[in-house]
């Protein structure tokens, strides 16, 4: 496995290596290009899971 880290650039909508755009414009790091390419999907899945957790937490009150 490579030690290289990959990022998804929100400004250019591209996958890039560590030497890329500034951190504020990127998601990551990810272990490989393929995972970085799924960055928006991963973020959406995590947000949906957090929203479900919040709704369940509120329902317990």
C-alpha atoms as a PDB file:
ATOM      1  CA  UNK A   1       0.000   0.000   0.000  1.00  0.00           C
ATOM      2  CA  UNK A   2       1.302   3.435  -0.923  1.00  0.00           C
ATOM      3  CA  UNK A   3       1.906   6.071   1.749  1.00  0.00           C
ATOM      4  CA  UNK A   4       0.709   8.736  -0.668  1.00  0.00           C
ATOM      5  CA  UNK A   5      -2.416  10.607   0.398  1.00  0.00           C
ATOM      6  CA  UNK A   6      -5.141  11.775  -1.962  1.00  0.00           C
ATOM      7  CA  UNK A   7      -7.617  14.634  -1.741  1.00  0.00           C
ATOM      8  CA  UNK A   8     -10.769  15.820  -3.479  1.00  0.00           C
ATOM      9  CA  UNK A   9     -10.590  19.478  -4.540  1.00  0.00           C
ATOM     10  CA  UNK A  10     -13.929  21.221  -4.049  1.00  0.00           C
ATOM     11  CA  UNK A  11     -12.813  24.157  -6.190  1.00  0.00           C
ATOM     12  CA  UNK A  12     -11.828  22.143  -9.278  1.00  0.00           C
ATOM     13  CA  UNK A  13     -13.906  18.979  -8.648  1.00  0.00           C
ATOM     14  CA  UNK A  14     -10.855  16.805  -9.173  1.00  0.00           C
ATOM     15  CA  UNK A  15      -8.789  14.270  -7.265  1.00  0.00           C
ATOM     16  CA  UNK A  16      -5.304  15.486  -6.471  1.00  0.00           C
ATOM     17  CA  UNK A  17      -2.199  14.388  -4.565  1.00  0.00           C
ATOM     18  CA  UNK A  18      -0.987  16.059  -1.398  1.00  0.00           C
ATOM     19  CA  UNK A  19       0.740  18.781  -3.418  1.00  0.00           C
ATOM     20  CA  UNK A  20      -2.433  20.441  -4.637  1.00  0.00           C
ATOM     21  CA  UNK A  21      -4.817  23.199  -3.760  1.00  0.00           C
ATOM     22  CA  UNK A  22      -4.999  24.725  -0.304  1.00  0.00           C
ATOM     23  CA  UNK A  23      -6.474  22.650   2.519  1.00  0.00           C
ATOM     24  CA  UNK A  24      -9.555  24.858   2.842  1.00  0.00           C
ATOM     25  CA  UNK A  25     -10.623  23.811  -0.657  1.00  0.00           C
ATOM     26  CA  UNK A  26     -10.192  20.060  -0.175  1.00  0.00           C
ATOM     27  CA  UNK A  27     -11.647  16.971   1.454  1.00  0.00           C
ATOM     28  CA  UNK A  28      -9.308  14.287   2.700  1.00  0.00           C
ATOM     29  CA  UNK A  29      -6.864  12.783   3.013  1.00  0.00           C
ATOM     30  CA  UNK A  30      -7.959   9.481   1.538  1.00  0.00           C
ATOM     31  CA  UNK A  31      -5.816   6.354   1.144  1.00  0.00           C
ATOM     32  CA  UNK A  32      -6.150   6.133  -2.650  1.00  0.00           C
ATOM     33  CA  UNK A  33      -7.432   7.943  -5.754  1.00  0.00           C
ATOM     34  CA  UNK A  34     -10.571   5.812  -5.984  1.00  0.00           C
ATOM     35  CA  UNK A  35     -11.682   6.675  -2.454  1.00  0.00           C
ATOM     36  CA  UNK A  36     -10.897  10.367  -2.967  1.00  0.00           C
ATOM     37  CA  UNK A  37     -13.043  10.304  -6.111  1.00  0.00           C
ATOM     38  CA  UNK A  38     -15.959   9.221  -3.889  1.00  0.00           C
ATOM     39  CA  UNK A  39     -15.370  12.062  -1.385  1.00  0.00           C
ATOM     40  CA  UNK A  40     -18.700  13.819  -1.961  1.00  0.00           C
ATOM     41  CA  UNK A  41     -20.602  10.529  -1.733  1.00  0.00           C
ATOM     42  CA  UNK A  42     -18.760   9.630   1.484  1.00  0.00           C
ATOM     43  CA  UNK A  43     -19.501  13.064   2.962  1.00  0.00           C
ATOM     44  CA  UNK A  44     -23.185  12.718   2.042  1.00  0.00           C
ATOM     45  CA  UNK A  45     -23.375   9.267   3.658  1.00  0.00           C
ATOM     46  CA  UNK A  46     -21.722  10.535   6.841  1.00  0.00           C
ATOM     47  CA  UNK A  47     -24.043  13.544   7.008  1.00  0.00           C
ATOM     48  CA  UNK A  48     -27.112  11.331   6.572  1.00  0.00           C
ATOM     49  CA  UNK A  49     -25.863   8.996   9.318  1.00  0.00           C
ATOM     50  CA  UNK A  50     -25.259  11.938  11.667  1.00  0.00           C
ATOM     51  CA  UNK A  51     -28.716  13.342  10.896  1.00  0.00           C
ATOM     52  CA  UNK A  52     -30.292   9.952  11.679  1.00  0.00           C
ATOM     53  CA  UNK A  53     -28.370   9.795  14.947  1.00  0.00           C
ATOM     54  CA  UNK A  54     -29.570  13.315  15.863  1.00  0.00           C
ATOM     55  CA  UNK A  55     -33.202  12.429  15.092  1.00  0.00           C
ATOM     56  CA  UNK A  56     -32.970   9.263  17.206  1.00  0.00           C
ATOM     57  CA  UNK A  57     -31.352  11.244  20.018  1.00  0.00           C
ATOM     58  CA  UNK A  58     -34.190  13.806  19.907  1.00  0.00           C
ATOM     59  CA  UNK A  59     -36.825  11.041  19.910  1.00  0.00           C
ATOM     60  CA  UNK A  60     -35.360   9.605  23.130  1.00  0.00           C
ATOM     61  CA  UNK A  61     -36.184  12.819  25.038  1.00  0.00           C
END
